[in-house]
Amino acid sequence: MESILDFLIADVEQTAVIAMFLAFGVLWVRKKVSRKKAQADMNDTAIAGAGQAPATPVADYGIPEQSYSNILEGQSNGISWKLTSSVIVTEDEGGQRSVSKRHTLWTCPDVRLPTGTFIFMQPVPGEYKYRPDPKEGFLGKMVKWVADTALDGVVSAYFGDKYAALVNLDGSETVMAEGITNYFIRSSVPDTARRFAEGPAGELIRQWRGASQGFDHEEELDMTHFLITDDGMHAGCNVSMGSEEEARRFSDFCSALAAEFKKVL
């Protein structure tokens, strides 16, 4: 999958009809994702401690769901962190249970950007090829609106709705960093983002994605997204940790990145 901008802003003049179609599609998907996210949040409030315990089932179009979460807190590389690993299990009308969503969110309050600024990193397969932002004019504005809406959906799905209003195309730019070409990087502080990505952090990410880590869901883990804001650093992926050992290894990796980020502030 290419980055959201890669897909939406190539050949703007030829995308007016596509943009209109995508606008309705994105809004429908975002509404559905938001509803499921709200239900998951309701379930999470019923989960206490680090143990795995089911929350009260909720209904989505008549299909009951249960959310299971594990919360782990610790410190690595001089960085304090919290990891929440969740699984949502759906039961159909015949009583068949299946996992409908897995998610892990790692957070660290020790590294922060100035208020209102962000660095967003989205993994892409292969090498990311730079494309400029949409042009001015009616078609450009339409494509930009669709791209922003889709970007909101990605940010909300990985990090929570409250960050969607922060991560926008306006006031930010795409960052091309030497040595880390398989990430789409968007930031309102591009110089800081470039120093981070071109430093030791970039090498850590290359090593992490380039080698087998032995996790239960390795492919999904390689698609970890990163977001750095004024309230800390966040790493999100659509996978649950298979064990406490996996959670700590993933946290060690993320905290090593956070430690490197502190050096470029």
Protein backbone atom coordinates (compact mmCIF):
# COMPACT_ATOMS: atom_id res chain seq x y z
CA MET A 1 0.00 0.00 0.00
CA GLU A 2 1.30 3.41 -0.97
CA SER A 3 1.02 6.40 1.32
CA ILE A 4 -2.31 8.20 1.28
CA LEU A 5 -0.79 11.19 -0.53
CA ASP A 6 0.98 8.97 -3.05
CA PHE A 7 -2.37 7.57 -4.15
CA LEU A 8 -4.43 10.73 -4.13
CA ILE A 9 -2.31 13.53 -5.56
CA ALA A 10 -0.74 12.00 -8.64
CA ASP A 11 -2.01 13.62 -11.86
CA VAL A 12 -4.50 15.92 -10.17
CA GLU A 13 -6.12 17.01 -13.42
CA GLN A 14 -7.29 13.45 -14.08
CA THR A 15 -8.67 12.74 -10.60
CA ALA A 16 -11.74 14.96 -10.21
CA VAL A 17 -14.26 12.15 -10.62
CA ILE A 18 -12.14 9.76 -8.55
CA ALA A 19 -11.84 12.36 -5.81
CA MET A 20 -15.60 12.84 -5.60
CA PHE A 21 -16.11 9.07 -5.42
CA LEU A 22 -13.43 8.70 -2.75
CA ALA A 23 -14.88 11.54 -0.71
CA PHE A 24 -18.12 9.66 -0.14
CA GLY A 25 -16.27 6.38 0.39
CA VAL A 26 -13.84 7.83 2.92
CA LEU A 27 -16.62 9.49 4.89
CA TRP A 28 -18.56 6.21 5.05
CA VAL A 29 -15.49 4.23 6.17
CA ARG A 30 -14.51 6.90 8.70
CA LYS A 31 -18.01 6.86 10.19
CA LYS A 32 -17.89 3.09 10.54
CA VAL A 33 -14.36 3.12 12.01
CA SER A 34 -15.32 5.87 14.46
CA ARG A 35 -18.32 3.89 15.64
CA LYS A 36 -16.26 0.74 16.19
CA LYS A 37 -13.54 2.79 17.91
CA ALA A 38 -16.10 4.36 20.24
CA GLN A 39 -17.40 0.92 21.13
CA ALA A 40 -13.87 -0.33 21.79
CA ASP A 41 -13.22 2.68 24.03
CA MET A 42 -16.39 1.89 26.00
CA ASN A 43 -15.12 -1.63 26.51
CA ASP A 44 -11.63 -0.50 27.48
CA THR A 45 -12.99 1.55 30.38
CA ALA A 46 -14.22 -1.66 31.92
CA ILE A 47 -10.75 -3.22 31.89
CA ALA A 48 -8.57 -2.69 34.94
CA GLY A 49 -4.97 -3.62 35.63
CA ALA A 50 -2.62 -5.58 33.45
CA GLY A 51 -4.65 -8.79 33.44
CA GLN A 52 -6.68 -9.86 30.43
CA ALA A 53 -10.38 -9.58 31.13
CA PRO A 54 -13.43 -9.28 28.88
CA ALA A 55 -15.51 -6.12 28.92
CA THR A 56 -19.29 -6.04 28.66
CA PRO A 57 -20.35 -7.10 25.14
CA VAL A 58 -21.66 -4.35 22.89
CA ALA A 59 -23.56 -4.62 19.63
CA ASP A 60 -22.53 -3.48 16.16
CA TYR A 61 -25.28 -4.07 13.60
CA GLY A 62 -26.57 -6.87 15.81
CA ILE A 63 -23.20 -8.63 16.19
CA PRO A 64 -21.90 -8.73 19.78
CA GLU A 65 -18.27 -7.87 20.46
CA GLN A 66 -15.91 -8.30 23.37
CA SER A 67 -12.71 -6.35 23.89
CA TYR A 68 -9.69 -7.84 25.67
CA SER A 69 -6.74 -5.65 26.62
CA ASN A 70 -3.37 -6.03 28.29
CA ILE A 71 -1.61 -2.99 29.71
CA LEU A 72 2.09 -3.05 30.44
CA GLU A 73 4.21 -0.20 31.80
CA GLY A 74 7.97 -0.03 32.12
CA GLN A 75 11.20 1.78 31.36
CA SER A 76 13.80 1.08 28.68
CA ASN A 77 16.77 3.11 27.48
CA GLY A 78 15.96 5.71 30.14
CA ILE A 79 12.46 6.14 28.65
CA SER A 80 9.23 5.55 30.58
CA TRP A 81 6.49 3.97 28.49
CA LYS A 82 3.05 2.39 28.49
CA LEU A 83 1.85 -0.28 26.08
CA THR A 84 -1.76 -1.30 25.52
CA SER A 85 -2.39 -4.41 23.44
CA SER A 86 -6.01 -5.10 22.49
CA VAL A 87 -8.09 -7.70 20.70
CA ILE A 88 -11.73 -7.32 19.68
CA VAL A 89 -13.59 -10.62 19.30
CA THR A 90 -16.82 -10.79 17.30
CA GLU A 91 -19.48 -13.46 17.69
CA ASP A 92 -21.87 -14.06 14.79
CA GLU A 93 -25.49 -15.17 15.02
CA GLY A 94 -24.41 -18.80 14.96
CA GLY A 95 -22.17 -18.34 17.98
CA GLN A 96 -18.94 -18.53 15.97
CA ARG A 97 -16.25 -16.30 17.51
CA SER A 98 -13.45 -14.64 15.53
CA VAL A 99 -10.96 -11.82 15.99
CA SER A 100 -12.17 -8.73 14.12
CA LYS A 101 -9.41 -6.33 15.18
CA ARG A 102 -6.00 -6.34 16.82
CA HIS A 103 -4.21 -3.21 17.94
CA THR A 104 -1.19 -2.14 19.96
CA LEU A 105 -0.50 1.41 21.10
CA TRP A 106 2.82 2.32 22.70
CA THR A 107 3.12 5.77 24.29
CA CYS A 108 5.95 7.72 25.88
CA PRO A 109 5.55 11.15 27.52
CA ASP A 110 9.31 11.71 27.87
CA VAL A 111 9.83 13.23 24.40
CA ARG A 112 7.66 16.13 23.24
CA LEU A 113 7.44 18.63 20.44
CA PRO A 114 6.34 22.26 20.80
CA THR A 115 2.60 22.79 21.19
CA GLY A 116 0.62 22.23 18.00
CA THR A 117 3.41 20.51 16.04
CA PHE A 118 3.80 16.91 14.89
CA ILE A 119 5.86 14.31 13.07
CA PHE A 120 3.86 11.53 11.40
CA MET A 121 5.52 8.45 9.90
CA GLN A 122 3.62 5.93 7.79
CA PRO A 123 5.41 2.80 6.50
CA VAL A 124 5.12 1.93 2.82
CA PRO A 125 6.28 -1.16 0.94
CA GLY A 126 9.34 -0.63 -1.18
CA GLU A 127 10.65 2.89 -1.66
CA TYR A 128 8.57 6.02 -1.15
CA LYS A 129 8.60 8.28 -4.20
CA TYR A 130 8.05 11.96 -3.50
CA ARG A 131 5.08 13.73 -5.05
CA PRO A 132 4.25 17.39 -4.47
CA ASP A 133 1.12 18.51 -2.66
CA PRO A 134 -2.03 19.13 -4.75
CA LYS A 135 -2.01 22.25 -6.85
CA GLU A 136 -4.18 25.28 -6.14
CA GLY A 137 -7.57 25.59 -7.81
CA PHE A 138 -10.84 23.70 -7.59
CA LEU A 139 -9.51 20.24 -8.45
CA GLY A 140 -6.47 20.65 -6.25
CA LYS A 141 -8.57 21.71 -3.29
CA MET A 142 -10.90 18.77 -3.82
CA VAL A 143 -8.08 16.24 -3.88
CA LYS A 144 -6.46 17.91 -0.88
CA TRP A 145 -9.71 17.71 1.08
CA VAL A 146 -10.04 14.00 0.28
CA ALA A 147 -6.41 13.38 1.24
CA ASP A 148 -6.86 15.24 4.53
CA THR A 149 -10.01 13.27 5.29
CA ALA A 150 -8.28 9.98 4.56
CA LEU A 151 -5.27 11.06 6.63
CA ASP A 152 -7.64 11.79 9.52
CA GLY A 153 -8.94 8.24 9.25
CA VAL A 154 -5.44 6.73 9.36
CA VAL A 155 -4.37 8.84 12.33
CA SER A 156 -7.60 8.10 14.22
CA ALA A 157 -7.32 4.35 13.60
CA TYR A 158 -3.74 4.09 14.83
CA PHE A 159 -3.55 6.78 17.53
CA GLY A 160 -7.05 8.01 18.43
CA ASP A 161 -9.49 10.63 17.20
CA LYS A 162 -7.99 13.47 19.23
CA TYR A 163 -4.91 13.58 16.99
CA ALA A 164 -6.80 13.80 13.70
CA ALA A 165 -7.26 17.57 14.02
CA LEU A 166 -3.53 18.03 14.59
CA VAL A 167 -2.15 16.07 11.61
CA ASN A 168 -3.05 18.06 8.50
CA LEU A 169 -1.54 18.89 5.13
CA ASP A 170 -1.83 22.61 5.80
CA GLY A 171 1.15 23.91 7.73
CA SER A 172 3.19 20.75 7.13
CA GLU A 173 5.32 19.21 4.41
CA THR A 174 6.54 15.85 3.21
CA VAL A 175 10.03 15.03 4.46
CA MET A 176 12.45 13.09 2.31
CA ALA A 177 15.16 11.58 4.51
CA GLU A 178 18.26 9.81 3.26
CA GLY A 179 18.59 6.24 4.41
CA ILE A 180 14.95 5.69 5.37
CA THR A 181 13.07 5.52 2.09
CA ASN A 182 10.27 3.13 3.05
CA TYR A 183 8.37 5.63 5.18
CA PHE A 184 6.09 8.49 4.20
CA ILE A 185 7.01 11.27 6.63
CA ARG A 186 4.83 14.34 7.12
CA SER A 187 5.69 17.04 9.65
CA SER A 188 5.03 20.61 10.71
CA VAL A 189 8.67 20.71 11.94
CA PRO A 190 10.40 19.19 8.88
CA ASP A 191 13.97 20.02 9.89
CA THR A 192 13.55 18.18 13.21
CA ALA A 193 11.88 15.26 11.45
CA ARG A 194 14.72 15.03 8.94
CA ARG A 195 17.41 15.06 11.64
CA PHE A 196 15.56 12.30 13.47
CA ALA A 197 15.03 10.09 10.43
CA GLU A 198 18.55 10.55 9.03
CA GLY A 199 20.24 9.85 12.36
CA PRO A 200 20.66 6.57 14.27
CA ALA A 201 16.86 6.25 14.50
CA GLY A 202 16.70 5.62 10.77
CA GLU A 203 19.19 2.79 11.09
CA LEU A 204 17.22 1.29 13.98
CA ILE A 205 14.06 1.31 11.86
CA ARG A 206 15.86 -0.27 8.88
CA GLN A 207 17.25 -3.03 11.07
CA TRP A 208 13.88 -3.66 12.71
CA ARG A 209 12.00 -3.94 9.41
CA GLY A 210 14.78 -5.77 7.63
CA ALA A 211 15.22 -8.66 10.06
CA SER A 212 12.82 -11.30 11.34
CA GLN A 213 11.87 -10.51 14.94
CA GLY A 214 10.07 -13.80 15.59
CA PHE A 215 6.74 -12.19 16.50
CA ASP A 216 3.41 -13.93 15.96
CA HIS A 217 2.28 -11.27 13.46
CA GLU A 218 5.54 -10.10 11.93
CA GLU A 219 4.14 -8.57 8.74
CA GLU A 220 1.67 -6.33 10.55
CA LEU A 221 4.32 -5.31 13.08
CA ASP A 222 6.53 -4.08 10.24
CA MET A 223 3.75 -1.61 9.39
CA THR A 224 4.03 0.23 12.71
CA HIS A 225 3.11 3.93 12.41
CA PHE A 226 4.76 6.65 14.51
CA LEU A 227 3.43 9.97 15.74
CA ILE A 228 5.33 12.53 17.82
CA THR A 229 3.34 15.44 19.27
CA ASP A 230 3.37 17.89 22.15
CA ASP A 231 2.23 15.16 24.54
CA GLY A 232 4.79 12.52 23.65
CA MET A 233 5.78 9.84 21.19
CA HIS A 234 3.33 7.17 20.01
CA ALA A 235 3.72 3.95 18.04
CA GLY A 236 0.66 2.10 16.73
CA CYS A 237 0.20 -1.11 14.78
CA ASN A 238 -2.68 -3.40 13.86
CA VAL A 239 -1.38 -6.36 15.80
CA SER A 240 -1.68 -7.56 19.38
CA MET A 241 1.33 -8.72 21.36
CA GLY A 242 1.45 -12.51 21.69
CA SER A 243 3.19 -12.42 25.06
CA GLU A 244 4.73 -10.13 27.64
CA GLU A 245 8.11 -10.88 26.12
CA GLU A 246 6.91 -9.58 22.73
CA ALA A 247 5.48 -6.47 24.40
CA ARG A 248 8.78 -5.73 26.12
CA ARG A 249 10.83 -6.31 22.97
CA PHE A 250 8.59 -3.99 20.98
CA SER A 251 8.80 -1.42 23.78
CA ASP A 252 12.59 -1.70 23.83
CA PHE A 253 12.65 -0.87 20.12
CA CYS A 254 10.26 2.08 20.47
CA SER A 255 12.07 3.46 23.51
CA ALA A 256 15.39 3.27 21.63
CA LEU A 257 13.81 5.48 18.94
CA ALA A 258 12.49 7.86 21.60
CA ALA A 259 15.95 8.11 23.17
CA GLU A 260 17.41 9.04 19.78
CA PHE A 261 14.68 11.61 19.23
CA LYS A 262 15.60 13.36 22.49
CA LYS A 263 19.07 13.94 21.05
CA VAL A 264 17.77 15.93 18.06
CA LEU A 265 15.49 18.28 20.02
